[in-house]
Amino acid sequence: MSDSKVPRLDLLRFLERVQARDLARTRQWITDEEQRQAELAARQPPPPPPDWVVEQGIGVGHQVVAVHQGWCTMSGRRTQPIPRDEVLRLLGEDSGRACQQCRPDTELGVL
């Protein structure tokens, strides 16, 4: 082993600089990967709309206001996807719940 006269503190400061540079490089790699994933996600097509949605009212109980086909642009913000059998049940209870634009009752043959 060589008997160097470099003070131990200087060696530790050198090591600190090397590690800081490595950490900065790793953080840049992380930033680049996050950006790549965001760009990839932006290129993906949006998921298809559900077949049926129910629009709920405001207030306690969130009463069903209308039933829509999933693509209907007349549905409001308070919508949830529902299965076909639930649509049939809701329209069977009250046919007035069917949206007058997308006509889910006609699509299902419930008139």
PDB file of N, CA and C in Angstrom:
ATOM      1  N   MET A   1       0.841  -1.174   0.000  1.00  0.00           N
ATOM      2  CA  MET A   1       0.000   0.000   0.000  1.00  0.00           C
ATOM      3  C   MET A   1       0.877   1.224   0.000  1.00  0.00           C
ATOM      4  N   SER A   2       0.432   2.198  -0.740  1.00  0.00           N
ATOM      5  CA  SER A   2       1.200   3.440  -0.765  1.00  0.00           C
ATOM      6  C   SER A   2       0.845   4.262   0.456  1.00  0.00           C
ATOM      7  N   ASP A   3       1.808   4.937   0.921  1.00  0.00           N
ATOM      8  CA  ASP A   3       1.626   5.762   2.112  1.00  0.00           C
ATOM      9  C   ASP A   3       1.371   7.186   1.647  1.00  0.00           C
ATOM     10  N   SER A   4       0.110   7.475   1.221  1.00  0.00           N
ATOM     11  CA  SER A   4      -0.180   8.794   0.668  1.00  0.00           C
ATOM     12  C   SER A   4      -0.300   9.806   1.787  1.00  0.00           C
ATOM     13  N   LYS A   5       0.020  10.985   1.433  1.00  0.00           N
ATOM     14  CA  LYS A   5      -0.021  12.083   2.401  1.00  0.00           C
ATOM     15  C   LYS A   5      -1.281  12.923   2.219  1.00  0.00           C
ATOM     16  N   VAL A   6      -2.281  12.403   1.431  1.00  0.00           N
ATOM     17  CA  VAL A   6      -3.531  13.132   1.223  1.00  0.00           C
ATOM     18  C   VAL A   6      -4.373  12.984   2.489  1.00  0.00           C
ATOM     19  N   PRO A   7      -4.807  14.079   3.033  1.00  0.00           N
ATOM     20  CA  PRO A   7      -5.599  13.998   4.270  1.00  0.00           C
ATOM     21  C   PRO A   7      -6.909  13.237   4.045  1.00  0.00           C
ATOM     22  N   ARG A   8      -7.326  12.494   5.035  1.00  0.00           N
ATOM     23  CA  ARG A   8      -8.550  11.699   4.968  1.00  0.00           C
ATOM     24  C   ARG A   8      -9.771  12.570   4.668  1.00  0.00           C
ATOM     25  N   LEU A   9      -9.821  13.761   5.204  1.00  0.00           N
ATOM     26  CA  LEU A   9     -10.951  14.658   4.963  1.00  0.00           C
ATOM     27  C   LEU A   9     -11.051  15.015   3.484  1.00  0.00           C
ATOM     28  N   ASP A  10      -9.910  15.243   2.816  1.00  0.00           N
ATOM     29  CA  ASP A  10      -9.931  15.548   1.381  1.00  0.00           C
ATOM     30  C   ASP A  10     -10.468  14.362   0.579  1.00  0.00           C
ATOM     31  N   LEU A  11     -10.074  13.163   0.977  1.00  0.00           N
ATOM     32  CA  LEU A  11     -10.582  11.969   0.290  1.00  0.00           C
ATOM     33  C   LEU A  11     -12.091  11.828   0.472  1.00  0.00           C
ATOM     34  N   LEU A  12     -12.572  12.095   1.650  1.00  0.00           N
ATOM     35  CA  LEU A  12     -14.014  12.007   1.903  1.00  0.00           C
ATOM     36  C   LEU A  12     -14.784  13.068   1.124  1.00  0.00           C
ATOM     37  N   ARG A  13     -14.233  14.253   1.001  1.00  0.00           N
ATOM     38  CA  ARG A  13     -14.904  15.305   0.221  1.00  0.00           C
ATOM     39  C   ARG A  13     -14.935  14.935  -1.268  1.00  0.00           C
ATOM     40  N   PHE A  14     -13.850  14.309  -1.750  1.00  0.00           N
ATOM     41  CA  PHE A  14     -13.832  13.839  -3.134  1.00  0.00           C
ATOM     42  C   PHE A  14     -14.923  12.792  -3.346  1.00  0.00           C
ATOM     43  N   LEU A  15     -15.021  11.843  -2.434  1.00  0.00           N
ATOM     44  CA  LEU A  15     -16.066  10.811  -2.510  1.00  0.00           C
ATOM     45  C   LEU A  15     -17.453  11.441  -2.502  1.00  0.00           C
ATOM     46  N   GLU A  16     -17.638  12.453  -1.692  1.00  0.00           N
ATOM     47  CA  GLU A  16     -18.924  13.146  -1.627  1.00  0.00           C
ATOM     48  C   GLU A  16     -19.272  13.771  -2.972  1.00  0.00           C
ATOM     49  N   ARG A  17     -18.309  14.399  -3.632  1.00  0.00           N
ATOM     50  CA  ARG A  17     -18.557  15.013  -4.947  1.00  0.00           C
ATOM     51  C   ARG A  17     -18.925  13.954  -5.988  1.00  0.00           C
ATOM     52  N   VAL A  18     -18.222  12.825  -5.962  1.00  0.00           N
ATOM     53  CA  VAL A  18     -18.519  11.741  -6.904  1.00  0.00           C
ATOM     54  C   VAL A  18     -19.938  11.222  -6.673  1.00  0.00           C
ATOM     55  N   GLN A  19     -20.299  11.015  -5.430  1.00  0.00           N
ATOM     56  CA  GLN A  19     -21.633  10.505  -5.123  1.00  0.00           C
ATOM     57  C   GLN A  19     -22.717  11.530  -5.446  1.00  0.00           C
ATOM     58  N   ALA A  20     -22.455  12.796  -5.230  1.00  0.00           N
ATOM     59  CA  ALA A  20     -23.425  13.843  -5.572  1.00  0.00           C
ATOM     60  C   ALA A  20     -23.646  13.864  -7.082  1.00  0.00           C
ATOM     61  N   ARG A  21     -22.575  13.704  -7.846  1.00  0.00           N
ATOM     62  CA  ARG A  21     -22.708  13.680  -9.304  1.00  0.00           C
ATOM     63  C   ARG A  21     -23.510  12.445  -9.738  1.00  0.00           C
ATOM     64  N   ASP A  22     -23.226  11.290  -9.114  1.00  0.00           N
ATOM     65  CA  ASP A  22     -23.983  10.082  -9.425  1.00  0.00           C
ATOM     66  C   ASP A  22     -25.462  10.239  -9.068  1.00  0.00           C
ATOM     67  N   LEU A  23     -25.748  10.860  -7.937  1.00  0.00           N
ATOM     68  CA  LEU A  23     -27.130  11.083  -7.525  1.00  0.00           C
ATOM     69  C   LEU A  23     -27.847  12.013  -8.505  1.00  0.00           C
ATOM     70  N   ALA A  24     -27.166  13.064  -8.934  1.00  0.00           N
ATOM     71  CA  ALA A  24     -27.766  13.991  -9.907  1.00  0.00           C
ATOM     72  C   ALA A  24     -28.066  13.272 -11.216  1.00  0.00           C
ATOM     73  N   ARG A  25     -27.154  12.402 -11.647  1.00  0.00           N
ATOM     74  CA  ARG A  25     -27.368  11.646 -12.887  1.00  0.00           C
ATOM     75  C   ARG A  25     -28.553  10.694 -12.728  1.00  0.00           C
ATOM     76  N   THR A  26     -28.647  10.029 -11.592  1.00  0.00           N
ATOM     77  CA  THR A  26     -29.773   9.116 -11.347  1.00  0.00           C
ATOM     78  C   THR A  26     -31.090   9.880 -11.322  1.00  0.00           C
ATOM     79  N   ARG A  27     -31.110  11.024 -10.694  1.00  0.00           N
ATOM     80  CA  ARG A  27     -32.335  11.844 -10.671  1.00  0.00           C
ATOM     81  C   ARG A  27     -32.728  12.280 -12.071  1.00  0.00           C
ATOM     82  N   GLN A  28     -31.768  12.580 -12.914  1.00  0.00           N
ATOM     83  CA  GLN A  28     -32.062  12.952 -14.299  1.00  0.00           C
ATOM     84  C   GLN A  28     -32.645  11.762 -15.050  1.00  0.00           C
ATOM     85  N   TRP A  29     -32.100  10.577 -14.815  1.00  0.00           N
ATOM     86  CA  TRP A  29     -32.649   9.371 -15.445  1.00  0.00           C
ATOM     87  C   TRP A  29     -34.103   9.163 -15.023  1.00  0.00           C
ATOM     88  N   ILE A  30     -34.391   9.402 -13.750  1.00  0.00           N
ATOM     89  CA  ILE A  30     -35.764   9.260 -13.252  1.00  0.00           C
ATOM     90  C   ILE A  30     -36.681  10.274 -13.933  1.00  0.00           C
ATOM     91  N   THR A  31     -36.244  11.513 -14.044  1.00  0.00           N
ATOM     92  CA  THR A  31     -37.033  12.551 -14.706  1.00  0.00           C
ATOM     93  C   THR A  31     -37.285  12.187 -16.164  1.00  0.00           C
ATOM     94  N   ASP A  32     -36.257  11.719 -16.853  1.00  0.00           N
ATOM     95  CA  ASP A  32     -36.402  11.315 -18.253  1.00  0.00           C
ATOM     96  C   ASP A  32     -37.397  10.171 -18.402  1.00  0.00           C
ATOM     97  N   GLU A  33     -37.338   9.195 -17.498  1.00  0.00           N
ATOM     98  CA  GLU A  33     -38.247   8.054 -17.563  1.00  0.00           C
ATOM     99  C   GLU A  33     -39.684   8.477 -17.279  1.00  0.00           C
ATOM    100  N   GLU A  34     -39.877   9.368 -16.309  1.00  0.00           N
ATOM    101  CA  GLU A  34     -41.226   9.867 -16.027  1.00  0.00           C
ATOM    102  C   GLU A  34     -41.795  10.605 -17.226  1.00  0.00           C
ATOM    103  N   GLN A  35     -40.978  11.398 -17.894  1.00  0.00           N
ATOM    104  CA  GLN A  35     -41.429  12.118 -19.075  1.00  0.00           C
ATOM    105  C   GLN A  35     -41.755  11.143 -20.208  1.00  0.00           C
ATOM    106  N   ARG A  36     -40.926  10.111 -20.378  1.00  0.00           N
ATOM    107  CA  ARG A  36     -41.176   9.120 -21.419  1.00  0.00           C
ATOM    108  C   ARG A  36     -42.495   8.395 -21.160  1.00  0.00           C
ATOM    109  N   GLN A  37     -42.741   8.030 -19.911  1.00  0.00           N
ATOM    110  CA  GLN A  37     -43.990   7.348 -19.578  1.00  0.00           C
ATOM    111  C   GLN A  37     -45.205   8.254 -19.771  1.00  0.00           C
ATOM    112  N   ALA A  38     -45.071   9.534 -19.445  1.00  0.00           N
ATOM    113  CA  ALA A  38     -46.179  10.479 -19.646  1.00  0.00           C
ATOM    114  C   ALA A  38     -46.481  10.641 -21.129  1.00  0.00           C
ATOM    115  N   GLU A  39     -45.444  10.721 -21.949  1.00  0.00           N
ATOM    116  CA  GLU A  39     -45.651  10.835 -23.397  1.00  0.00           C
ATOM    117  C   GLU A  39     -46.294   9.574 -23.956  1.00  0.00           C
ATOM    118  N   LEU A  40     -45.879   8.429 -23.454  1.00  0.00           N
ATOM    119  CA  LEU A  40     -46.457   7.165 -23.903  1.00  0.00           C
ATOM    120  C   LEU A  40     -47.929   7.078 -23.510  1.00  0.00           C
ATOM    121  N   ALA A  41     -48.248   7.498 -22.292  1.00  0.00           N
ATOM    122  CA  ALA A  41     -49.638   7.473 -21.832  1.00  0.00           C
ATOM    123  C   ALA A  41     -50.507   8.438 -22.639  1.00  0.00           C
ATOM    124  N   ALA A  42     -49.932   9.573 -23.043  1.00  0.00           N
ATOM    125  CA  ALA A  42     -50.693  10.553 -23.820  1.00  0.00           C
ATOM    126  C   ALA A  42     -51.021  10.020 -25.212  1.00  0.00           C
ATOM    127  N   ARG A  43     -50.213   9.107 -25.717  1.00  0.00           N
ATOM    128  CA  ARG A  43     -50.455   8.549 -27.049  1.00  0.00           C
ATOM    129  C   ARG A  43     -51.478   7.429 -27.046  1.00  0.00           C
ATOM    130  N   GLN A  44     -51.794   6.893 -25.869  1.00  0.00           N
ATOM    131  CA  GLN A  44     -52.756   5.807 -25.773  1.00  0.00           C
ATOM    132  C   GLN A  44     -54.166   6.352 -26.000  1.00  0.00           C
ATOM    133  N   PRO A  45     -54.986   5.627 -26.728  1.00  0.00           N
ATOM    134  CA  PRO A  45     -56.364   6.094 -26.907  1.00  0.00           C
ATOM    135  C   PRO A  45     -57.118   5.992 -25.589  1.00  0.00           C
ATOM    136  N   PRO A  46     -58.103   6.862 -25.394  1.00  0.00           N
ATOM    137  CA  PRO A  46     -58.877   6.784 -24.152  1.00  0.00           C
ATOM    138  C   PRO A  46     -59.660   5.475 -24.117  1.00  0.00           C
ATOM    139  N   PRO A  47     -59.983   4.999 -22.932  1.00  0.00           N
ATOM    140  CA  PRO A  47     -60.759   3.763 -22.851  1.00  0.00           C
ATOM    141  C   PRO A  47     -62.149   3.978 -23.437  1.00  0.00           C
ATOM    142  N   PRO A  48     -62.750   2.933 -23.974  1.00  0.00           N
ATOM    143  CA  PRO A  48     -64.090   3.096 -24.538  1.00  0.00           C
ATOM    144  C   PRO A  48     -65.091   3.419 -23.439  1.00  0.00           C
ATOM    145  N   PRO A  49     -66.153   4.138 -23.782  1.00  0.00           N
ATOM    146  CA  PRO A  49     -67.152   4.454 -22.753  1.00  0.00           C
ATOM    147  C   PRO A  49     -67.892   3.186 -22.344  1.00  0.00           C
ATOM    148  N   PRO A  50     -68.464   3.186 -21.148  1.00  0.00           N
ATOM    149  CA  PRO A  50     -69.269   2.024 -20.742  1.00  0.00           C
ATOM    150  C   PRO A  50     -70.520   1.952 -21.613  1.00  0.00           C
ATOM    151  N   ASP A  51     -71.134   0.802 -21.640  1.00  0.00           N
ATOM    152  CA  ASP A  51     -72.352   0.648 -22.449  1.00  0.00           C
ATOM    153  C   ASP A  51     -73.502   1.479 -21.899  1.00  0.00           C
ATOM    154  N   TRP A  52     -73.626   1.529 -20.567  1.00  0.00           N
ATOM    155  CA  TRP A  52     -74.751   2.220 -19.933  1.00  0.00           C
ATOM    156  C   TRP A  52     -74.257   2.997 -18.732  1.00  0.00           C
ATOM    157  N   VAL A  53     -74.842   4.169 -18.500  1.00  0.00           N
ATOM    158  CA  VAL A  53     -74.534   4.951 -17.306  1.00  0.00           C
ATOM    159  C   VAL A  53     -75.827   5.449 -16.680  1.00  0.00           C
ATOM    160  N   VAL A  54     -75.784   5.626 -15.376  1.00  0.00           N
ATOM    161  CA  VAL A  54     -76.913   6.187 -14.667  1.00  0.00           C
ATOM    162  C   VAL A  54     -76.489   7.553 -14.149  1.00  0.00           C
ATOM    163  N   GLU A  55     -77.349   8.523 -14.340  1.00  0.00           N
ATOM    164  CA  GLU A  55     -77.089   9.882 -13.852  1.00  0.00           C
ATOM    165  C   GLU A  55     -77.835  10.054 -12.539  1.00  0.00           C
ATOM    166  N   GLN A  56     -77.109  10.517 -11.523  1.00  0.00           N
ATOM    167  CA  GLN A  56     -77.694  10.652 -10.201  1.00  0.00           C
ATOM    168  C   GLN A  56     -77.898  12.116  -9.854  1.00  0.00           C
ATOM    169  N   GLY A  57     -78.925  12.368  -9.048  1.00  0.00           N
ATOM    170  CA  GLY A  57     -79.227  13.717  -8.614  1.00  0.00           C
ATOM    171  C   GLY A  57     -78.374  14.142  -7.439  1.00  0.00           C
ATOM    172  N   ILE A  58     -78.586  15.377  -7.019  1.00  0.00           N
ATOM    173  CA  ILE A  58     -77.873  15.935  -5.878  1.00  0.00           C
ATOM    174  C   ILE A  58     -78.681  15.662  -4.625  1.00  0.00           C
ATOM    175  N   GLY A  59     -78.010  15.480  -3.522  1.00  0.00           N
ATOM    176  CA  GLY A  59     -78.705  15.349  -2.250  1.00  0.00           C
ATOM    177  C   GLY A  59     -78.580  13.962  -1.663  1.00  0.00           C
ATOM    178  N   VAL A  60     -79.254  13.793  -0.550  1.00  0.00           N
ATOM    179  CA  VAL A  60     -79.200  12.535   0.178  1.00  0.00           C
ATOM    180  C   VAL A  60     -79.833  11.433  -0.661  1.00  0.00           C
ATOM    181  N   GLY A  61     -79.168  10.323  -0.739  1.00  0.00           N
ATOM    182  CA  GLY A  61     -79.706   9.185  -1.469  1.00  0.00           C
ATOM    183  C   GLY A  61     -79.323   9.146  -2.935  1.00  0.00           C
ATOM    184  N   HIS A  62     -78.942  10.262  -3.489  1.00  0.00           N
ATOM    185  CA  HIS A  62     -78.535  10.326  -4.906  1.00  0.00           C
ATOM    186  C   HIS A  62     -79.536   9.587  -5.804  1.00  0.00           C
ATOM    187  N   GLN A  63     -80.733  10.097  -5.858  1.00  0.00           N
ATOM    188  CA  GLN A  63     -81.779   9.493  -6.677  1.00  0.00           C
ATOM    189  C   GLN A  63     -81.360   9.433  -8.143  1.00  0.00           C
ATOM    190  N   VAL A  64     -81.818   8.392  -8.825  1.00  0.00           N
ATOM    191  CA  VAL A  64     -81.533   8.241 -10.249  1.00  0.00           C
ATOM    192  C   VAL A  64     -82.344   9.266 -11.021  1.00  0.00           C
ATOM    193  N   VAL A  65     -81.647  10.084 -11.807  1.00  0.00           N
ATOM    194  CA  VAL A  65     -82.310  11.109 -12.603  1.00  0.00           C
ATOM    195  C   VAL A  65     -82.583  10.588 -14.009  1.00  0.00           C
ATOM    196  N   ALA A  66     -81.590   9.922 -14.593  1.00  0.00           N
ATOM    197  CA  ALA A  66     -81.750   9.441 -15.961  1.00  0.00           C
ATOM    198  C   ALA A  66     -80.811   8.277 -16.218  1.00  0.00           C
ATOM    199  N   VAL A  67     -81.187   7.485 -17.212  1.00  0.00           N
ATOM    200  CA  VAL A  67     -80.351   6.387 -17.695  1.00  0.00           C
ATOM    201  C   VAL A  67     -79.933   6.749 -19.111  1.00  0.00           C
ATOM    202  N   HIS A  68     -78.629   6.599 -19.386  1.00  0.00           N
ATOM    203  CA  HIS A  68     -78.077   6.977 -20.689  1.00  0.00           C
ATOM    204  C   HIS A  68     -77.281   5.823 -21.279  1.00  0.00           C
ATOM    205  N   GLN A  69     -77.126   5.857 -22.592  1.00  0.00           N
ATOM    206  CA  GLN A  69     -76.125   5.007 -23.221  1.00  0.00           C
ATOM    207  C   GLN A  69     -74.766   5.638 -22.905  1.00  0.00           C
ATOM    208  N   GLY A  70     -73.721   4.837 -22.864  1.00  0.00           N
ATOM    209  CA  GLY A  70     -72.412   5.311 -22.428  1.00  0.00           C
ATOM    210  C   GLY A  70     -71.855   6.461 -23.240  1.00  0.00           C
ATOM    211  N   TRP A  71     -72.180   6.524 -24.513  1.00  0.00           N
ATOM    212  CA  TRP A  71     -71.634   7.558 -25.393  1.00  0.00           C
ATOM    213  C   TRP A  71     -72.405   8.873 -25.319  1.00  0.00           C
ATOM    214  N   CYS A  72     -73.518   8.913 -24.641  1.00  0.00           N
ATOM    215  CA  CYS A  72     -74.409  10.078 -24.648  1.00  0.00           C
ATOM    216  C   CYS A  72     -73.720  11.303 -24.048  1.00  0.00           C
ATOM    217  N   THR A  73     -73.770  12.383 -24.780  1.00  0.00           N
ATOM    218  CA  THR A  73     -73.153  13.630 -24.315  1.00  0.00           C
ATOM    219  C   THR A  73     -74.093  14.429 -23.421  1.00  0.00           C
ATOM    220  N   MET A  74     -75.329  14.008 -23.287  1.00  0.00           N
ATOM    221  CA  MET A  74     -76.288  14.721 -22.446  1.00  0.00           C
ATOM    222  C   MET A  74     -76.178  14.315 -20.976  1.00  0.00           C
ATOM    223  N   SER A  75     -75.433  13.258 -20.692  1.00  0.00           N
ATOM    224  CA  SER A  75     -75.302  12.846 -19.297  1.00  0.00           C
ATOM    225  C   SER A  75     -74.471  13.876 -18.544  1.00  0.00           C
ATOM    226  N   GLY A  76     -74.832  14.086 -17.309  1.00  0.00           N
ATOM    227  CA  GLY A  76     -74.143  15.091 -16.494  1.00  0.00           C
ATOM    228  C   GLY A  76     -72.849  14.548 -15.897  1.00  0.00           C
ATOM    229  N   ARG A  77     -72.365  15.258 -14.885  1.00  0.00           N
ATOM    230  CA  ARG A  77     -71.111  14.870 -14.242  1.00  0.00           C
ATOM    231  C   ARG A  77     -71.287  13.747 -13.226  1.00  0.00           C
ATOM    232  N   ARG A  78     -72.472  13.614 -12.678  1.00  0.00           N
ATOM    233  CA  ARG A  78     -72.702  12.629 -11.627  1.00  0.00           C
ATOM    234  C   ARG A  78     -73.205  11.325 -12.240  1.00  0.00           C
ATOM    235  N   THR A  79     -72.349  10.671 -12.991  1.00  0.00           N
ATOM    236  CA  THR A  79     -72.731   9.417 -13.644  1.00  0.00           C
ATOM    237  C   THR A  79     -71.867   8.271 -13.142  1.00  0.00           C
ATOM    238  N   GLN A  80     -72.430   7.099 -13.230  1.00  0.00           N
ATOM    239  CA  GLN A  80     -71.719   5.872 -12.903  1.00  0.00           C
ATOM    240  C   GLN A  80     -72.081   4.813 -13.920  1.00  0.00           C
ATOM    241  N   PRO A  81     -71.123   3.996 -14.333  1.00  0.00           N
ATOM    242  CA  PRO A  81     -71.465   2.890 -15.238  1.00  0.00           C
ATOM    243  C   PRO A  81     -72.305   1.849 -14.496  1.00  0.00           C
ATOM    244  N   ILE A  82     -73.240   1.255 -15.207  1.00  0.00           N
ATOM    245  CA  ILE A  82     -74.076   0.205 -14.618  1.00  0.00           C
ATOM    246  C   ILE A  82     -74.232  -0.922 -15.634  1.00  0.00           C
ATOM    247  N   PRO A  83     -74.493  -2.138 -15.159  1.00  0.00           N
ATOM    248  CA  PRO A  83     -74.677  -3.270 -16.074  1.00  0.00           C
ATOM    249  C   PRO A  83     -76.047  -3.233 -16.750  1.00  0.00           C
ATOM    250  N   ARG A  84     -76.158  -3.999 -17.805  1.00  0.00           N
ATOM    251  CA  ARG A  84     -77.381  -4.039 -18.618  1.00  0.00           C
ATOM    252  C   ARG A  84     -78.604  -4.436 -17.792  1.00  0.00           C
ATOM    253  N   ASP A  85     -78.469  -5.428 -16.925  1.00  0.00           N
ATOM    254  CA  ASP A  85     -79.631  -5.867 -16.149  1.00  0.00           C
ATOM    255  C   ASP A  85     -80.133  -4.786 -15.197  1.00  0.00           C
ATOM    256  N   GLU A  86     -79.224  -3.957 -14.701  1.00  0.00           N
ATOM    257  CA  GLU A  86     -79.623  -2.837 -13.842  1.00  0.00           C
ATOM    258  C   GLU A  86     -80.376  -1.779 -14.667  1.00  0.00           C
ATOM    259  N   VAL A  87     -79.942  -1.562 -15.898  1.00  0.00           N
ATOM    260  CA  VAL A  87     -80.644  -0.622 -16.789  1.00  0.00           C
ATOM    261  C   VAL A  87     -82.062  -1.119 -17.036  1.00  0.00           C
ATOM    262  N   LEU A  88     -82.187  -2.389 -17.326  1.00  0.00           N
ATOM    263  CA  LEU A  88     -83.520  -2.958 -17.569  1.00  0.00           C
ATOM    264  C   LEU A  88     -84.410  -2.812 -16.334  1.00  0.00           C
ATOM    265  N   ARG A  89     -83.854  -3.036 -15.148  1.00  0.00           N
ATOM    266  CA  ARG A  89     -84.630  -2.900 -13.921  1.00  0.00           C
ATOM    267  C   ARG A  89     -85.084  -1.457 -13.712  1.00  0.00           C
ATOM    268  N   LEU A  90     -84.147  -0.505 -13.883  1.00  0.00           N
ATOM    269  CA  LEU A  90     -84.490   0.909 -13.687  1.00  0.00           C
ATOM    270  C   LEU A  90     -85.532   1.385 -14.686  1.00  0.00           C
ATOM    271  N   LEU A  91     -85.379   0.994 -15.934  1.00  0.00           N
ATOM    272  CA  LEU A  91     -86.357   1.415 -16.945  1.00  0.00           C
ATOM    273  C   LEU A  91     -87.690   0.707 -16.760  1.00  0.00           C
ATOM    274  N   GLY A  92     -87.664  -0.504 -16.214  1.00  0.00           N
ATOM    275  CA  GLY A  92     -88.913  -1.218 -15.922  1.00  0.00           C
ATOM    276  C   GLY A  92     -89.688  -0.543 -14.802  1.00  0.00           C
ATOM    277  N   GLU A  93     -88.958   0.002 -13.820  1.00  0.00           N
ATOM    278  CA  GLU A  93     -89.619   0.704 -12.712  1.00  0.00           C
ATOM    279  C   GLU A  93     -90.218   2.022 -13.168  1.00  0.00           C
ATOM    280  N   ASP A  94     -89.467   2.754 -14.012  1.00  0.00           N
ATOM    281  CA  ASP A  94     -89.928   4.076 -14.453  1.00  0.00           C
ATOM    282  C   ASP A  94     -89.331   4.363 -15.822  1.00  0.00           C
ATOM    283  N   SER A  95     -90.143   4.255 -16.861  1.00  0.00           N
ATOM    284  CA  SER A  95     -89.637   4.474 -18.226  1.00  0.00           C
ATOM    285  C   SER A  95     -89.294   5.943 -18.477  1.00  0.00           C
ATOM    286  N   GLY A  96     -89.739   6.833 -17.604  1.00  0.00           N
ATOM    287  CA  GLY A  96     -89.415   8.251 -17.747  1.00  0.00           C
ATOM    288  C   GLY A  96     -87.963   8.562 -17.443  1.00  0.00           C
ATOM    289  N   ARG A  97     -87.234   7.597 -16.914  1.00  0.00           N
ATOM    290  CA  ARG A  97     -85.812   7.798 -16.621  1.00  0.00           C
ATOM    291  C   ARG A  97     -84.945   7.717 -17.878  1.00  0.00           C
ATOM    292  N   ALA A  98     -85.474   7.222 -18.945  1.00  0.00           N
ATOM    293  CA  ALA A  98     -84.689   7.069 -20.175  1.00  0.00           C
ATOM    294  C   ALA A  98     -84.380   8.434 -20.776  1.00  0.00           C
ATOM    295  N   CYS A  99     -83.119   8.641 -21.116  1.00  0.00           N
ATOM    296  CA  CYS A  99     -82.698   9.891 -21.760  1.00  0.00           C
ATOM    297  C   CYS A  99     -83.452  10.059 -23.074  1.00  0.00           C
ATOM    298  N   GLN A 100     -83.917  11.260 -23.329  1.00  0.00           N
ATOM    299  CA  GLN A 100     -84.684  11.519 -24.542  1.00  0.00           C
ATOM    300  C   GLN A 100     -83.784  11.722 -25.765  1.00  0.00           C
ATOM    301  N   GLN A 101     -82.473  11.845 -25.545  1.00  0.00           N
ATOM    302  CA  GLN A 101     -81.538  12.015 -26.662  1.00  0.00           C
ATOM    303  C   GLN A 101     -80.993  10.679 -27.155  1.00  0.00           C
ATOM    304  N   CYS A 102     -80.452   9.874 -26.242  1.00  0.00           N
ATOM    305  CA  CYS A 102     -79.807   8.624 -26.661  1.00  0.00           C
ATOM    306  C   CYS A 102     -80.755   7.431 -26.650  1.00  0.00           C
ATOM    307  N   ARG A 103     -81.896   7.553 -26.020  1.00  0.00           N
ATOM    308  CA  ARG A 103     -82.962   6.555 -25.990  1.00  0.00           C
ATOM    309  C   ARG A 103     -82.472   5.138 -25.657  1.00  0.00           C
ATOM    310  N   PRO A 104     -82.000   4.914 -24.420  1.00  0.00           N
ATOM    311  CA  PRO A 104     -81.564   3.565 -24.054  1.00  0.00           C
ATOM    312  C   PRO A 104     -82.717   2.560 -24.063  1.00  0.00           C
ATOM    313  N   ASP A 105     -83.938   3.042 -23.836  1.00  0.00           N
ATOM    314  CA  ASP A 105     -85.086   2.137 -23.859  1.00  0.00           C
ATOM    315  C   ASP A 105     -85.317   1.572 -25.255  1.00  0.00           C
ATOM    316  N   THR A 106     -85.131   2.381 -26.275  1.00  0.00           N
ATOM    317  CA  THR A 106     -85.291   1.915 -27.652  1.00  0.00           C
ATOM    318  C   THR A 106     -84.177   0.941 -28.004  1.00  0.00           C
ATOM    319  N   GLU A 107     -82.965   1.253 -27.595  1.00  0.00           N
ATOM    320  CA  GLU A 107     -81.823   0.384 -27.872  1.00  0.00           C
ATOM    321  C   GLU A 107     -82.015  -1.006 -27.253  1.00  0.00           C
ATOM    322  N   LEU A 108     -82.626  -1.046 -26.070  1.00  0.00           N
ATOM    323  CA  LEU A 108     -82.846  -2.311 -25.378  1.00  0.00           C
ATOM    324  C   LEU A 108     -84.167  -2.971 -25.744  1.00  0.00           C
ATOM    325  N   GLY A 109     -84.998  -2.281 -26.479  1.00  0.00           N
ATOM    326  CA  GLY A 109     -86.293  -2.823 -26.860  1.00  0.00           C
ATOM    327  C   GLY A 109     -87.332  -2.718 -25.763  1.00  0.00           C
ATOM    328  N   VAL A 110     -87.119  -1.799 -24.817  1.00  0.00           N
ATOM    329  CA  VAL A 110     -88.069  -1.570 -23.729  1.00  0.00           C
ATOM    330  C   VAL A 110     -88.825  -0.290 -24.055  1.00  0.00           C
ATOM    331  N   LEU A 111     -90.095  -0.418 -24.399  1.00  0.00           N
ATOM    332  CA  LEU A 111     -90.865   0.786 -24.753  1.00  0.00           C
ATOM    333  C   LEU A 111     -92.080   0.944 -23.923  1.00  0.00           C
TER     334      LEU A 111
END
